[in-house]
Amino acid sequence: MGTPLIELRQLALRFGSTTVFEKLNWTFDDPCWCAIVGPSGSGKTSLIHMVAGLERPSEGEVFVAGRSLSSMSDEELSRHRQQTVGTAFQHFHVQTDKTALDNMLLPLFFSGADLDEGRKRAADLCAALDLTPFLQAPVRQLSGGQRQRLALARALMNQPRILLADEPIGNLDAENASRVLDLLRRERERGLNLLVVTHDDFLLQGVDKVLRLENGVLS
């Protein structure tokens, strides 16, 4: 048995006197192509935030590729988000005063990657998501669906080992949802793992395993 890709050990999430979940244990092996479903407030988004190192559990530990995130320094967590995980969350977090291309190149400035190669990858990802006409446009001119696709493309720029996504096709029509799934399948061929929160039946059909988080139980 190799080292698990992601391991949740005795994980708890509490807000004051409210317990969302506790003693949560699960192992995700590589390759991982999984969706997490469940009612609102069950902790799905917090769970993937924990894997990204953006949120700390109330108790327990998250291990990614054998390393405990709680043992990492802020610098190591930043490197974890630059190199190991790509994040595409519901509120996009794109910079509206910059162009789409500048948004996509931003992760490369922090990682020290080659910008010329980055521009080529940005063009390739945008072509796959029908964003090429908007590459040089200020993000404030983009629609919600275009910003959502841009956020996904940016999350893939550094070729992460794991993509963590929260409702990545929630604002998209059927044609653009298909483009997203086609791109994810292509990236899977190079070794991308996926952990996604979604309620979308179309995306659920594209994963290998569906897990349900409800009443503090992941099953």
Foldseek 3Di string as FASTA:
>chain_A
DADFQKWWAQFWADDVVRTLAGRATDTHHPQAFEEEEEDPSNCQVVVVCVVLVNDPTPDTFMDGNRDTSVPDDPVVSLVCCLAAEFEQEDVLPFDQQAFLQVSLCVSCVVVVDDVVVLSVLLCVLCVLQVNNVRRRPRNVPDDPLSSLSSSVSSSPSNLHLEYEYEASCVPDDPVNVVSVLVVVVVSVVVRYHYYYYHPDPVSVVSGDYYWYRDPNYTD
